[in-house]
């Protein structure tokens, strides 16, 4: 299994969907950023602001990360070699 280490801060946990198909979310605000090691096979997508990962019990998490997009993309490209 391959991993990357990134610096994350605030995140949004998607717990599922309600009867109207609206996301049930929980916003988590933290005071300080911290390092997190993430298994590459849990990553669903990346954007300029968020990395979307699979989580337990069919949930997903949008993590705000501090590295820039190109750095994160390069880290992921290196795991494919």
C-alpha atoms as a PDB file:
ATOM      1  CA  UNK A   1       0.000   0.000   0.000  1.00  0.00           C
ATOM      2  CA  UNK A   2       1.309   3.474  -0.895  1.00  0.00           C
ATOM      3  CA  UNK A   3       0.987   6.571   1.281  1.00  0.00           C
ATOM      4  CA  UNK A   4       1.544  10.314   1.040  1.00  0.00           C
ATOM      5  CA  UNK A   5       2.038  12.781   3.881  1.00  0.00           C
ATOM      6  CA  UNK A   6       0.223  16.112   3.641  1.00  0.00           C
ATOM      7  CA  UNK A   7      -0.601  19.000   5.951  1.00  0.00           C
ATOM      8  CA  UNK A   8      -4.332  19.251   6.611  1.00  0.00           C
ATOM      9  CA  UNK A   9      -6.525  21.655   8.501  1.00  0.00           C
ATOM     10  CA  UNK A  10     -10.310  22.042   8.427  1.00  0.00           C
ATOM     11  CA  UNK A  11     -12.404  19.278   6.910  1.00  0.00           C
ATOM     12  CA  UNK A  12     -15.947  18.337   6.008  1.00  0.00           C
ATOM     13  CA  UNK A  13     -17.246  14.846   6.736  1.00  0.00           C
ATOM     14  CA  UNK A  14     -20.084  13.629   4.504  1.00  0.00           C
ATOM     15  CA  UNK A  15     -22.095  11.132   6.553  1.00  0.00           C
ATOM     16  CA  UNK A  16     -24.572  10.265   3.817  1.00  0.00           C
ATOM     17  CA  UNK A  17     -27.738  11.681   2.319  1.00  0.00           C
ATOM     18  CA  UNK A  18     -31.137  12.601   3.717  1.00  0.00           C
ATOM     19  CA  UNK A  19     -34.577  11.739   2.299  1.00  0.00           C
ATOM     20  CA  UNK A  20     -34.308  14.680  -0.161  1.00  0.00           C
ATOM     21  CA  UNK A  21     -30.893  13.461  -1.373  1.00  0.00           C
ATOM     22  CA  UNK A  22     -29.086  16.352   0.345  1.00  0.00           C
ATOM     23  CA  UNK A  23     -25.668  15.653   1.846  1.00  0.00           C
ATOM     24  CA  UNK A  24     -25.541  15.255   5.621  1.00  0.00           C
ATOM     25  CA  UNK A  25     -22.304  17.030   6.510  1.00  0.00           C
ATOM     26  CA  UNK A  26     -20.286  17.855   9.588  1.00  0.00           C
ATOM     27  CA  UNK A  27     -17.832  20.762   9.357  1.00  0.00           C
ATOM     28  CA  UNK A  28     -14.750  20.389  11.537  1.00  0.00           C
ATOM     29  CA  UNK A  29     -12.702  23.529  12.247  1.00  0.00           C
ATOM     30  CA  UNK A  30      -9.284  23.146  13.856  1.00  0.00           C
ATOM     31  CA  UNK A  31      -6.942  25.802  15.208  1.00  0.00           C
ATOM     32  CA  UNK A  32      -3.705  24.361  13.887  1.00  0.00           C
ATOM     33  CA  UNK A  33      -2.789  22.396  10.802  1.00  0.00           C
ATOM     34  CA  UNK A  34      -1.291  18.941  11.286  1.00  0.00           C
ATOM     35  CA  UNK A  35       0.503  16.301   9.260  1.00  0.00           C
ATOM     36  CA  UNK A  36      -1.564  13.361   8.045  1.00  0.00           C
ATOM     37  CA  UNK A  37      -0.494  10.215   6.248  1.00  0.00           C
ATOM     38  CA  UNK A  38      -3.123   9.086   3.748  1.00  0.00           C
ATOM     39  CA  UNK A  39      -3.278   5.808   1.842  1.00  0.00           C
ATOM     40  CA  UNK A  40      -3.241   6.692  -1.847  1.00  0.00           C
ATOM     41  CA  UNK A  41      -5.959   4.150  -2.663  1.00  0.00           C
ATOM     42  CA  UNK A  42      -8.375   6.088  -0.385  1.00  0.00           C
ATOM     43  CA  UNK A  43      -8.016   9.296  -2.432  1.00  0.00           C
ATOM     44  CA  UNK A  44     -10.990   9.939  -4.717  1.00  0.00           C
ATOM     45  CA  UNK A  45      -9.981  13.333  -6.145  1.00  0.00           C
ATOM     46  CA  UNK A  46      -8.016  16.518  -5.554  1.00  0.00           C
ATOM     47  CA  UNK A  47      -8.754  20.170  -6.266  1.00  0.00           C
ATOM     48  CA  UNK A  48      -6.944  23.422  -5.559  1.00  0.00           C
ATOM     49  CA  UNK A  49      -8.420  23.488  -2.058  1.00  0.00           C
ATOM     50  CA  UNK A  50      -9.504  19.976  -1.080  1.00  0.00           C
ATOM     51  CA  UNK A  51      -8.419  16.372  -1.177  1.00  0.00           C
ATOM     52  CA  UNK A  52     -11.423  14.023  -1.136  1.00  0.00           C
ATOM     53  CA  UNK A  53     -10.889  10.693   0.627  1.00  0.00           C
ATOM     54  CA  UNK A  54     -12.898   7.575   1.398  1.00  0.00           C
ATOM     55  CA  UNK A  55     -13.562   7.023   5.090  1.00  0.00           C
ATOM     56  CA  UNK A  56     -15.108   4.344   7.311  1.00  0.00           C
ATOM     57  CA  UNK A  57     -18.782   3.407   7.056  1.00  0.00           C
ATOM     58  CA  UNK A  58     -19.176   4.683   3.467  1.00  0.00           C
ATOM     59  CA  UNK A  59     -18.394   8.266   4.454  1.00  0.00           C
ATOM     60  CA  UNK A  60     -16.090  10.663   2.604  1.00  0.00           C
ATOM     61  CA  UNK A  61     -14.013  13.583   3.873  1.00  0.00           C
ATOM     62  CA  UNK A  62     -13.056  16.813   2.127  1.00  0.00           C
ATOM     63  CA  UNK A  63      -9.707  17.842   3.679  1.00  0.00           C
ATOM     64  CA  UNK A  64      -8.318  21.352   3.276  1.00  0.00           C
ATOM     65  CA  UNK A  65      -4.616  20.945   2.623  1.00  0.00           C
ATOM     66  CA  UNK A  66      -1.783  23.470   2.825  1.00  0.00           C
ATOM     67  CA  UNK A  67       0.500  22.218   0.060  1.00  0.00           C
ATOM     68  CA  UNK A  68      -0.133  23.650  -3.382  1.00  0.00           C
ATOM     69  CA  UNK A  69      -2.003  21.653  -6.022  1.00  0.00           C
ATOM     70  CA  UNK A  70       1.056  20.942  -8.206  1.00  0.00           C
ATOM     71  CA  UNK A  71       3.035  19.632  -5.225  1.00  0.00           C
ATOM     72  CA  UNK A  72       0.209  17.299  -4.259  1.00  0.00           C
ATOM     73  CA  UNK A  73      -0.197  16.152  -7.859  1.00  0.00           C
ATOM     74  CA  UNK A  74       3.550  15.426  -8.068  1.00  0.00           C
ATOM     75  CA  UNK A  75       3.405  13.431  -4.842  1.00  0.00           C
ATOM     76  CA  UNK A  76       0.614  11.301  -6.282  1.00  0.00           C
ATOM     77  CA  UNK A  77       2.409  10.898  -9.620  1.00  0.00           C
ATOM     78  CA  UNK A  78       5.485   9.583  -7.769  1.00  0.00           C
ATOM     79  CA  UNK A  79       3.412   6.841  -6.138  1.00  0.00           C
ATOM     80  CA  UNK A  80       2.410   5.541  -9.590  1.00  0.00           C
ATOM     81  CA  UNK A  81       5.983   4.821 -10.640  1.00  0.00           C
END
